[in-house]
Amino acid sequence: MKNFIVNKLQMDYLDYTVEDFVLDEYFQKWILDNDSMTASFWEAWLNNYPHKRVEVEKARQLVLSIRLKEDFPTQDEFDGVWNNVILRRNREKANNPPVFQVFRAQYLPIVFKVAAVLVVALFLGLSLSHFWQNRDEIQPDLVTIKEVVKQTGKGEKLTFQLADGSLVKLNSNSKLVFPEFFDSNNRTVKLKGEAFFEVEKDKERPFRIITGDIGTQVLGTSFNVKAYKVETDLITVAVVTGKVSVGSFEGNIVYEQILLEPGEMASYDQSEKSFEKSTFRYDEVVGWRDGILSFKDLDIQSIIKIIERWYDVKIVLEKNDIDLDKDFTGKYKNKTLDAVLKGLSFAYEFEYEIDHHIVIIK
């Protein structure tokens, strides 16, 4: 029976508009009160119905703005309205025949309670009307949006969903910073490291990923962004579906320099401050999502940096005569560290020793 009630409640909310959420007492309690049970319900509900996040976000900002703008009636205003109701009641009592006194005695208190509720509803309605008419004038600092940080260490990967329903898979040793709820103009996140994005379409609010002074902007698509400063000076954006524009980011604007379509990749050299457009192989660029570790014409020092991040180890290179200029190409799917090192040892003619998180190449 309890599950039936919960399911029924969740299904009812599916039909809610922004205004319905704002007027809902249980929704207001979640936004305005620090109640863990209410918060748990709404968080679970949003996880089940992520397509409602945009409306919920707008309703949340509306509830907070109404409270902060103090559009609700003051005590004096409410008392004035209530006194008018009492005066009208007394006039009716003096003019009406006694036969109605019993009826009034039994039912007027209920009528007055309803009238009081209607008075508050009237003021709330006027506040909502005022908000919708002047919503563009509300200062952004009235609503403080919480900043969320998702971070992975070496050897870790993380998949999560943003407030608009977009899906993010964060590669190892990466960090994504984003607001708990996006505003009404755009959806902007900041990335260090590497992530794959599956962006929900929203024509009114472009989705932007900021990496250093480079911005990637889309409406709805799937693509990979890589920006490991420790490993390389290159920032790469590879598109799997849809279209993506990549360019310099300044003054909260992405200035388009390259337009990418599926199978195309943009590489930005941070030292030279130049873009290059090319095609890419899925396994080599995006294969990490499926546990594929890929090396394409990389030297041993570049390979070592990737292995350290991928397996959370420290590699000590003791072999003095190893060929540092020799390039290597290889692909490993869900392989152990030992299997990868064994393949490399044949190519570069070295021996190795694994001691917990330390690898010695000799």
Foldseek 3Di string as FASTA:
>chain_A
DVVVVLVVVLVVCVPDALVRLLPDPLSLCCLPPPDPVSVVSVVVSCVVPLQCLQSSLVSSVLNLLLVLVVQFDDPVVLVVVLVVVVVVVVVCVVPDDPVCVVVCVVCVVVVSVVVSVVVRVVSVVVSSVVCVVCVVVDDPVSDDWDKDKDAAAFQDWDWDAASNGKIKIAAFGKMKIFTNGDDQAEGEIEIEAKMKIFADADPRYWYWYDYPQKIKTDRGAIWMWGHHPVLAQKIKIAGAADKMFMAGHDPNDHDGDDIDHHQKMWIARNVVRDIDIDGDDCCQGVVVVQQKDWFDFAFPVSVQVVLCRNHVAAEAEPDPPWDRNGTDTDMDHNDDPVVVVVVVCVVRVWDWDDDPRYIYTD
